[in-house]
Amino acid sequence: MDDDSAHIPVTFEHYDHVSGPFYHGTKADVEPGDLLVPGHGSNFEDGRVSNNIYFTGTLDAAIWGAELARGEGAGRVYTVEPTGPFEDDPNLTNKRFPGNPTRSYRTRKPLRVVSEVKDWQGHPPDVLQAMRDHLAEMERQGLATIDD
C-alpha cells in the first residue's frame, strides 16, 4: 500500500453537502461492526491491490459493485460509515460522468459496516452482461486502468 502521508484526500469536512446513508457492494460476508479495509484485490483490474476502499451514496451504484465483485458467492450490499477522510472517486467523477451523480467516493481508512441491505434487486441479466462486456472491452483496449 502507498504511504498515506503522500496523499491528502478532500475530506468530509470540506463537503458539507455530502451525507449518507452510504453503501458498499461486495461478495464479502461480514457482520455489523466489522471493518472493511483497503489492501485487497481490485474488482476491475487483474493483479492490482487497491490502496482505497470504495463506497457510494446510491443504492444502485452499490448494487453494481455487488454484482461485478470478483470472487465466489452472492453479491452483498451493506450500509457503511467512513471512519476517516474520503474523496470523490476520480475513476468516475468528471472522468466518466460530469460531477458526481453516482455519489461515488473512496478512502484509505476503514469503512464500518452498519447493516446489510437484504432487499435489493439486481440488474436484469442482459444489462449486467452488457456491463461485463463493456468492462472487458475497456480492459482489452487498455482503458480499464484504475486511478488508485
N, C-alpha and C. Protein backbone atom coordinates (compact mmCIF):
# COMPACT_ATOMS: atom_id res chain seq x y z
N MET A 1 0.83 -1.18 0.00
CA MET A 1 0.00 0.00 0.00
C MET A 1 0.88 1.24 0.00
N ASP A 2 0.41 2.28 -0.63
CA ASP A 2 1.16 3.53 -0.68
C ASP A 2 1.19 4.21 0.67
N ASP A 3 2.15 5.08 0.88
CA ASP A 3 2.27 5.87 2.10
C ASP A 3 1.17 6.91 2.14
N ASP A 4 0.35 6.88 3.20
CA ASP A 4 -0.76 7.82 3.34
C ASP A 4 -0.31 9.27 3.38
N SER A 5 0.91 9.53 3.86
CA SER A 5 1.36 10.92 4.00
C SER A 5 1.51 11.62 2.66
N ALA A 6 1.66 10.85 1.57
CA ALA A 6 1.82 11.45 0.25
C ALA A 6 0.48 11.80 -0.39
N HIS A 7 -0.60 11.34 0.19
CA HIS A 7 -1.92 11.54 -0.40
C HIS A 7 -2.80 12.29 0.59
N ILE A 8 -3.33 13.41 0.18
CA ILE A 8 -4.22 14.19 1.05
C ILE A 8 -5.58 14.27 0.38
N PRO A 9 -6.55 13.45 0.85
CA PRO A 9 -7.87 13.48 0.22
C PRO A 9 -8.65 14.72 0.62
N VAL A 10 -9.63 15.04 -0.21
CA VAL A 10 -10.59 16.08 0.14
C VAL A 10 -11.50 15.44 1.18
N THR A 11 -11.51 15.96 2.36
CA THR A 11 -12.21 15.29 3.45
C THR A 11 -13.67 15.68 3.54
N PHE A 12 -14.39 14.90 4.30
CA PHE A 12 -15.80 15.14 4.55
C PHE A 12 -16.04 16.55 5.08
N GLU A 13 -15.12 17.04 5.90
CA GLU A 13 -15.29 18.38 6.46
C GLU A 13 -15.38 19.45 5.36
N HIS A 14 -14.79 19.18 4.21
CA HIS A 14 -14.86 20.11 3.08
C HIS A 14 -16.11 19.90 2.23
N TYR A 15 -16.89 18.91 2.58
CA TYR A 15 -18.08 18.55 1.81
C TYR A 15 -19.32 18.61 2.69
N ASP A 16 -19.77 19.79 3.00
CA ASP A 16 -20.95 19.93 3.84
C ASP A 16 -22.18 19.29 3.20
N HIS A 17 -22.19 19.18 1.87
CA HIS A 17 -23.34 18.63 1.17
C HIS A 17 -23.31 17.11 1.07
N VAL A 18 -22.26 16.46 1.56
CA VAL A 18 -22.14 15.01 1.46
C VAL A 18 -22.68 14.37 2.74
N SER A 19 -23.71 13.57 2.59
CA SER A 19 -24.25 12.87 3.74
C SER A 19 -24.73 11.49 3.31
N GLY A 20 -24.85 10.60 4.25
CA GLY A 20 -25.28 9.24 3.99
C GLY A 20 -26.78 9.14 3.87
N PRO A 21 -27.27 7.94 3.79
CA PRO A 21 -26.51 6.74 4.06
C PRO A 21 -25.53 6.42 2.93
N PHE A 22 -24.50 5.66 3.29
CA PHE A 22 -23.51 5.22 2.33
C PHE A 22 -23.59 3.70 2.22
N TYR A 23 -23.22 3.20 1.03
CA TYR A 23 -23.33 1.78 0.73
C TYR A 23 -22.02 1.26 0.14
N HIS A 24 -21.82 -0.05 0.31
CA HIS A 24 -20.67 -0.74 -0.29
C HIS A 24 -21.17 -2.07 -0.83
N GLY A 25 -20.90 -2.35 -2.10
CA GLY A 25 -21.27 -3.62 -2.72
C GLY A 25 -20.05 -4.52 -2.82
N THR A 26 -20.21 -5.79 -2.46
CA THR A 26 -19.09 -6.72 -2.39
C THR A 26 -19.59 -8.15 -2.41
N LYS A 27 -18.69 -9.11 -2.38
CA LYS A 27 -19.06 -10.51 -2.16
C LYS A 27 -18.65 -10.95 -0.76
N ALA A 28 -18.02 -10.07 -0.01
CA ALA A 28 -17.58 -10.40 1.34
C ALA A 28 -18.78 -10.58 2.25
N ASP A 29 -18.72 -11.60 3.09
CA ASP A 29 -19.77 -11.88 4.07
C ASP A 29 -19.28 -11.35 5.41
N VAL A 30 -19.81 -10.20 5.82
CA VAL A 30 -19.36 -9.55 7.05
C VAL A 30 -20.56 -9.23 7.93
N GLU A 31 -20.28 -8.79 9.12
CA GLU A 31 -21.30 -8.51 10.12
C GLU A 31 -21.27 -7.03 10.51
N PRO A 32 -22.38 -6.51 11.05
CA PRO A 32 -22.37 -5.14 11.57
C PRO A 32 -21.25 -4.97 12.59
N GLY A 33 -20.55 -3.86 12.48
CA GLY A 33 -19.42 -3.57 13.35
C GLY A 33 -18.09 -3.95 12.74
N ASP A 34 -18.08 -4.86 11.75
CA ASP A 34 -16.84 -5.23 11.07
C ASP A 34 -16.30 -4.04 10.29
N LEU A 35 -14.99 -4.05 10.06
CA LEU A 35 -14.35 -3.00 9.28
C LEU A 35 -13.96 -3.55 7.92
N LEU A 36 -14.31 -2.83 6.86
CA LEU A 36 -13.87 -3.13 5.50
C LEU A 36 -12.66 -2.24 5.26
N VAL A 37 -11.56 -2.83 4.83
CA VAL A 37 -10.32 -2.08 4.72
C VAL A 37 -9.75 -2.16 3.31
N PRO A 38 -8.97 -1.14 2.91
CA PRO A 38 -8.26 -1.23 1.63
C PRO A 38 -7.18 -2.29 1.71
N GLY A 39 -6.58 -2.58 0.57
CA GLY A 39 -5.48 -3.53 0.54
C GLY A 39 -5.85 -4.88 -0.03
N HIS A 40 -7.04 -4.97 -0.64
CA HIS A 40 -7.49 -6.21 -1.27
C HIS A 40 -7.42 -6.06 -2.79
N GLY A 41 -7.56 -7.17 -3.49
CA GLY A 41 -7.52 -7.13 -4.95
C GLY A 41 -8.64 -6.29 -5.53
N SER A 42 -8.33 -5.58 -6.60
CA SER A 42 -9.30 -4.74 -7.28
C SER A 42 -10.33 -5.60 -8.00
N ASN A 43 -11.57 -5.14 -8.02
CA ASN A 43 -12.61 -5.83 -8.78
C ASN A 43 -12.53 -5.51 -10.27
N PHE A 44 -11.74 -4.53 -10.64
CA PHE A 44 -11.76 -4.06 -12.02
C PHE A 44 -10.41 -4.10 -12.72
N GLU A 45 -9.37 -4.57 -12.05
CA GLU A 45 -8.06 -4.62 -12.70
C GLU A 45 -7.30 -5.81 -12.13
N ASP A 46 -7.07 -6.83 -12.96
CA ASP A 46 -6.39 -8.04 -12.52
C ASP A 46 -5.02 -7.74 -11.95
N GLY A 47 -4.69 -8.41 -10.86
CA GLY A 47 -3.36 -8.30 -10.28
C GLY A 47 -3.10 -7.03 -9.50
N ARG A 48 -4.08 -6.21 -9.32
CA ARG A 48 -3.88 -4.94 -8.63
C ARG A 48 -4.46 -5.00 -7.23
N VAL A 49 -3.68 -4.56 -6.25
CA VAL A 49 -4.15 -4.41 -4.89
C VAL A 49 -4.58 -2.96 -4.73
N SER A 50 -5.77 -2.76 -4.24
CA SER A 50 -6.33 -1.41 -4.16
C SER A 50 -5.85 -0.69 -2.90
N ASN A 51 -5.39 0.53 -3.08
CA ASN A 51 -4.98 1.38 -1.97
C ASN A 51 -6.17 2.02 -1.26
N ASN A 52 -7.32 1.97 -1.89
CA ASN A 52 -8.52 2.61 -1.37
C ASN A 52 -9.63 1.58 -1.24
N ILE A 53 -10.65 1.94 -0.48
CA ILE A 53 -11.89 1.19 -0.47
C ILE A 53 -12.97 2.16 -0.94
N TYR A 54 -13.86 1.65 -1.78
CA TYR A 54 -14.82 2.50 -2.47
C TYR A 54 -16.21 2.32 -1.88
N PHE A 55 -16.97 3.41 -1.89
CA PHE A 55 -18.34 3.38 -1.39
C PHE A 55 -19.15 4.43 -2.11
N THR A 56 -20.46 4.41 -1.91
CA THR A 56 -21.34 5.27 -2.68
C THR A 56 -22.53 5.74 -1.83
N GLY A 57 -23.13 6.81 -2.27
CA GLY A 57 -24.34 7.31 -1.63
C GLY A 57 -25.60 6.86 -2.35
N THR A 58 -25.46 6.00 -3.38
CA THR A 58 -26.65 5.49 -4.08
C THR A 58 -26.70 3.98 -4.02
N LEU A 59 -27.86 3.45 -3.76
CA LEU A 59 -28.03 2.01 -3.69
C LEU A 59 -27.71 1.36 -5.04
N ASP A 60 -28.09 2.00 -6.15
CA ASP A 60 -27.84 1.41 -7.47
C ASP A 60 -26.35 1.21 -7.73
N ALA A 61 -25.53 2.19 -7.38
CA ALA A 61 -24.08 2.04 -7.59
C ALA A 61 -23.53 0.91 -6.72
N ALA A 62 -24.03 0.75 -5.50
CA ALA A 62 -23.59 -0.34 -4.64
C ALA A 62 -24.02 -1.69 -5.21
N ILE A 63 -25.21 -1.74 -5.80
CA ILE A 63 -25.67 -2.98 -6.43
C ILE A 63 -24.73 -3.37 -7.56
N TRP A 64 -24.31 -2.38 -8.37
CA TRP A 64 -23.32 -2.68 -9.41
C TRP A 64 -22.06 -3.27 -8.79
N GLY A 65 -21.61 -2.68 -7.69
CA GLY A 65 -20.42 -3.19 -7.01
C GLY A 65 -20.60 -4.63 -6.57
N ALA A 66 -21.75 -4.95 -6.01
CA ALA A 66 -22.03 -6.31 -5.56
C ALA A 66 -22.08 -7.28 -6.73
N GLU A 67 -22.69 -6.85 -7.82
CA GLU A 67 -22.84 -7.73 -8.99
C GLU A 67 -21.52 -7.94 -9.73
N LEU A 68 -20.65 -6.94 -9.74
CA LEU A 68 -19.41 -7.02 -10.50
C LEU A 68 -18.22 -7.48 -9.67
N ALA A 69 -18.42 -7.61 -8.36
CA ALA A 69 -17.31 -8.02 -7.49
C ALA A 69 -16.80 -9.39 -7.89
N ARG A 70 -15.50 -9.54 -7.81
CA ARG A 70 -14.89 -10.83 -8.12
C ARG A 70 -14.99 -11.74 -6.91
N GLY A 71 -14.89 -13.02 -7.16
CA GLY A 71 -14.93 -13.98 -6.06
C GLY A 71 -16.15 -14.86 -6.14
N GLU A 72 -16.21 -15.77 -5.19
CA GLU A 72 -17.30 -16.74 -5.12
C GLU A 72 -18.42 -16.20 -4.24
N GLY A 73 -19.58 -16.75 -4.43
CA GLY A 73 -20.71 -16.41 -3.58
C GLY A 73 -21.55 -15.30 -4.14
N ALA A 74 -22.60 -15.02 -3.41
CA ALA A 74 -23.56 -14.00 -3.82
C ALA A 74 -23.04 -12.60 -3.52
N GLY A 75 -23.46 -11.64 -4.34
CA GLY A 75 -23.16 -10.25 -4.05
C GLY A 75 -23.93 -9.79 -2.83
N ARG A 76 -23.34 -8.87 -2.09
CA ARG A 76 -23.96 -8.34 -0.88
C ARG A 76 -23.83 -6.82 -0.90
N VAL A 77 -24.80 -6.16 -0.32
CA VAL A 77 -24.77 -4.70 -0.19
C VAL A 77 -24.89 -4.37 1.29
N TYR A 78 -24.01 -3.49 1.74
CA TYR A 78 -24.00 -3.08 3.15
C TYR A 78 -24.15 -1.57 3.25
N THR A 79 -24.80 -1.11 4.30
CA THR A 79 -24.70 0.30 4.66
C THR A 79 -23.42 0.40 5.49
N VAL A 80 -22.66 1.46 5.23
CA VAL A 80 -21.37 1.63 5.87
C VAL A 80 -21.20 3.07 6.31
N GLU A 81 -20.23 3.28 7.19
CA GLU A 81 -19.86 4.65 7.55
C GLU A 81 -18.35 4.77 7.46
N PRO A 82 -17.86 5.83 6.81
CA PRO A 82 -16.42 6.03 6.74
C PRO A 82 -15.87 6.37 8.12
N THR A 83 -14.66 5.90 8.40
CA THR A 83 -14.03 6.17 9.69
C THR A 83 -12.97 7.26 9.59
N GLY A 84 -12.78 7.78 8.40
CA GLY A 84 -11.78 8.83 8.20
C GLY A 84 -12.10 9.64 6.96
N PRO A 85 -11.15 10.45 6.54
CA PRO A 85 -11.38 11.31 5.37
C PRO A 85 -11.65 10.50 4.10
N PHE A 86 -12.44 11.10 3.21
CA PHE A 86 -12.71 10.47 1.93
C PHE A 86 -12.82 11.53 0.86
N GLU A 87 -12.83 11.08 -0.39
CA GLU A 87 -12.88 11.99 -1.53
C GLU A 87 -13.74 11.40 -2.63
N ASP A 88 -14.10 12.24 -3.61
CA ASP A 88 -14.80 11.75 -4.79
C ASP A 88 -13.94 10.69 -5.47
N ASP A 89 -14.57 9.68 -6.03
CA ASP A 89 -13.86 8.64 -6.77
C ASP A 89 -13.45 9.20 -8.13
N PRO A 90 -12.15 9.42 -8.35
CA PRO A 90 -11.72 10.03 -9.62
C PRO A 90 -11.90 9.12 -10.83
N ASN A 91 -12.17 7.84 -10.62
CA ASN A 91 -12.41 6.93 -11.73
C ASN A 91 -13.76 7.18 -12.39
N LEU A 92 -14.66 7.82 -11.66
CA LEU A 92 -15.99 8.14 -12.19
C LEU A 92 -16.22 9.64 -12.28
N THR A 93 -15.84 10.37 -11.25
CA THR A 93 -16.13 11.79 -11.15
C THR A 93 -15.38 12.57 -12.23
N ASN A 94 -16.12 13.23 -13.08
CA ASN A 94 -15.60 14.07 -14.16
C ASN A 94 -14.79 13.30 -15.19
N LYS A 95 -14.59 12.00 -15.01
CA LYS A 95 -13.88 11.18 -15.99
C LYS A 95 -14.90 10.48 -16.88
N ARG A 96 -15.89 9.89 -16.24
CA ARG A 96 -16.94 9.19 -16.97
C ARG A 96 -18.26 9.94 -16.90
N PHE A 97 -18.45 10.71 -15.84
CA PHE A 97 -19.69 11.46 -15.66
C PHE A 97 -19.33 12.85 -15.16
N PRO A 98 -19.99 13.90 -15.67
CA PRO A 98 -19.76 15.25 -15.13
C PRO A 98 -20.23 15.33 -13.68
N GLY A 99 -19.42 15.89 -12.83
CA GLY A 99 -19.78 15.98 -11.42
C GLY A 99 -19.64 14.62 -10.77
N ASN A 100 -20.52 14.31 -9.85
CA ASN A 100 -20.50 13.01 -9.17
C ASN A 100 -21.93 12.50 -8.99
N PRO A 101 -22.66 12.22 -10.10
CA PRO A 101 -24.06 11.80 -9.97
C PRO A 101 -24.21 10.44 -9.30
N THR A 102 -23.19 9.60 -9.35
CA THR A 102 -23.27 8.29 -8.70
C THR A 102 -22.90 8.38 -7.22
N ARG A 103 -22.53 9.59 -6.78
CA ARG A 103 -22.12 9.81 -5.39
C ARG A 103 -21.12 8.75 -4.97
N SER A 104 -20.07 8.58 -5.79
CA SER A 104 -19.04 7.57 -5.56
C SER A 104 -17.83 8.19 -4.89
N TYR A 105 -17.35 7.51 -3.85
CA TYR A 105 -16.26 8.03 -3.03
C TYR A 105 -15.24 6.93 -2.77
N ARG A 106 -14.08 7.35 -2.28
CA ARG A 106 -13.06 6.39 -1.87
C ARG A 106 -12.36 6.93 -0.63
N THR A 107 -11.74 5.99 0.11
CA THR A 107 -11.00 6.34 1.32
C THR A 107 -9.87 5.34 1.52
N ARG A 108 -8.85 5.78 2.23
CA ARG A 108 -7.77 4.88 2.62
C ARG A 108 -7.94 4.41 4.05
N LYS A 109 -9.03 4.81 4.66
CA LYS A 109 -9.37 4.40 6.02
C LYS A 109 -10.49 3.36 5.96
N PRO A 110 -10.68 2.59 7.02
CA PRO A 110 -11.73 1.57 7.00
C PRO A 110 -13.13 2.15 6.89
N LEU A 111 -14.03 1.32 6.38
CA LEU A 111 -15.46 1.58 6.42
C LEU A 111 -16.05 0.66 7.48
N ARG A 112 -16.86 1.19 8.37
CA ARG A 112 -17.53 0.37 9.39
C ARG A 112 -18.87 -0.10 8.83
N VAL A 113 -19.10 -1.40 8.90
CA VAL A 113 -20.37 -1.96 8.44
C VAL A 113 -21.45 -1.64 9.47
N VAL A 114 -22.53 -1.02 9.00
CA VAL A 114 -23.66 -0.69 9.86
C VAL A 114 -24.71 -1.80 9.80
N SER A 115 -25.06 -2.21 8.59
CA SER A 115 -26.07 -3.26 8.42
C SER A 115 -25.98 -3.79 6.99
N GLU A 116 -26.61 -4.94 6.76
CA GLU A 116 -26.70 -5.48 5.42
C GLU A 116 -28.05 -5.09 4.82
N VAL A 117 -28.03 -4.67 3.57
CA VAL A 117 -29.27 -4.37 2.82
C VAL A 117 -29.70 -5.71 2.21
N LYS A 118 -30.81 -6.21 2.66
CA LYS A 118 -31.25 -7.55 2.23
C LYS A 118 -32.20 -7.54 1.04
N ASP A 119 -32.90 -6.44 0.82
CA ASP A 119 -34.00 -6.43 -0.15
C ASP A 119 -33.65 -5.74 -1.47
N TRP A 120 -32.38 -5.76 -1.88
CA TRP A 120 -32.02 -5.08 -3.12
C TRP A 120 -32.33 -5.98 -4.32
N GLN A 121 -32.59 -5.32 -5.42
CA GLN A 121 -32.92 -6.01 -6.67
C GLN A 121 -31.77 -5.82 -7.66
N GLY A 122 -31.24 -6.92 -8.17
CA GLY A 122 -30.15 -6.85 -9.14
C GLY A 122 -30.63 -6.36 -10.50
N HIS A 123 -29.68 -6.03 -11.35
CA HIS A 123 -29.99 -5.60 -12.71
C HIS A 123 -30.42 -6.80 -13.55
N PRO A 124 -31.23 -6.59 -14.58
CA PRO A 124 -31.61 -7.69 -15.47
C PRO A 124 -30.36 -8.35 -16.06
N PRO A 125 -30.40 -9.66 -16.28
CA PRO A 125 -29.22 -10.39 -16.79
C PRO A 125 -28.61 -9.78 -18.05
N ASP A 126 -29.43 -9.30 -18.98
CA ASP A 126 -28.88 -8.74 -20.21
C ASP A 126 -28.15 -7.41 -19.94
N VAL A 127 -28.64 -6.63 -19.00
CA VAL A 127 -27.99 -5.36 -18.64
C VAL A 127 -26.66 -5.65 -17.93
N LEU A 128 -26.67 -6.62 -17.03
CA LEU A 128 -25.45 -7.00 -16.32
C LEU A 128 -24.40 -7.53 -17.29
N GLN A 129 -24.82 -8.37 -18.24
CA GLN A 129 -23.88 -8.91 -19.22
C GLN A 129 -23.32 -7.80 -20.11
N ALA A 130 -24.15 -6.84 -20.48
CA ALA A 130 -23.68 -5.71 -21.30
C ALA A 130 -22.61 -4.92 -20.54
N MET A 131 -22.79 -4.73 -19.24
CA MET A 131 -21.78 -4.03 -18.44
C MET A 131 -20.49 -4.85 -18.37
N ARG A 132 -20.60 -6.14 -18.14
CA ARG A 132 -19.40 -7.00 -18.11
C ARG A 132 -18.67 -6.96 -19.46
N ASP A 133 -19.42 -7.02 -20.55
CA ASP A 133 -18.82 -6.96 -21.88
C ASP A 133 -18.11 -5.62 -22.08
N HIS A 134 -18.75 -4.54 -21.65
CA HIS A 134 -18.16 -3.20 -21.78
C HIS A 134 -16.85 -3.11 -20.98
N LEU A 135 -16.86 -3.61 -19.76
CA LEU A 135 -15.64 -3.57 -18.93
C LEU A 135 -14.54 -4.44 -19.54
N ALA A 136 -14.91 -5.60 -20.08
CA ALA A 136 -13.92 -6.48 -20.73
C ALA A 136 -13.31 -5.80 -21.95
N GLU A 137 -14.13 -5.10 -22.72
CA GLU A 137 -13.63 -4.38 -23.90
C GLU A 137 -12.70 -3.25 -23.49
N MET A 138 -13.06 -2.53 -22.43
CA MET A 138 -12.17 -1.47 -21.93
C MET A 138 -10.83 -2.06 -21.50
N GLU A 139 -10.86 -3.21 -20.84
CA GLU A 139 -9.62 -3.86 -20.41
C GLU A 139 -8.80 -4.29 -21.63
N ARG A 140 -9.48 -4.87 -22.62
CA ARG A 140 -8.79 -5.31 -23.84
C ARG A 140 -8.08 -4.16 -24.54
N GLN A 141 -8.70 -2.97 -24.51
CA GLN A 141 -8.14 -1.78 -25.14
C GLN A 141 -7.13 -1.05 -24.26
N GLY A 142 -6.93 -1.56 -23.05
CA GLY A 142 -6.00 -0.90 -22.12
C GLY A 142 -6.58 0.33 -21.46
N LEU A 143 -7.90 0.46 -21.47
CA LEU A 143 -8.57 1.64 -20.92
C LEU A 143 -9.15 1.40 -19.53
N ALA A 144 -8.89 0.21 -18.96
CA ALA A 144 -9.52 -0.15 -17.70
C ALA A 144 -8.63 0.17 -16.50
N THR A 145 -7.65 1.02 -16.68
CA THR A 145 -6.76 1.33 -15.57
C THR A 145 -7.49 2.11 -14.50
N ILE A 146 -7.15 1.83 -13.27
CA ILE A 146 -7.77 2.45 -12.11
C ILE A 146 -6.82 3.50 -11.53
N ASP A 147 -7.33 4.69 -11.33
CA ASP A 147 -6.58 5.75 -10.62
C ASP A 147 -6.76 5.46 -9.14
N ASP A 148 -5.73 4.87 -8.52
CA ASP A 148 -5.86 4.45 -7.15
C ASP A 148 -4.73 5.05 -6.33
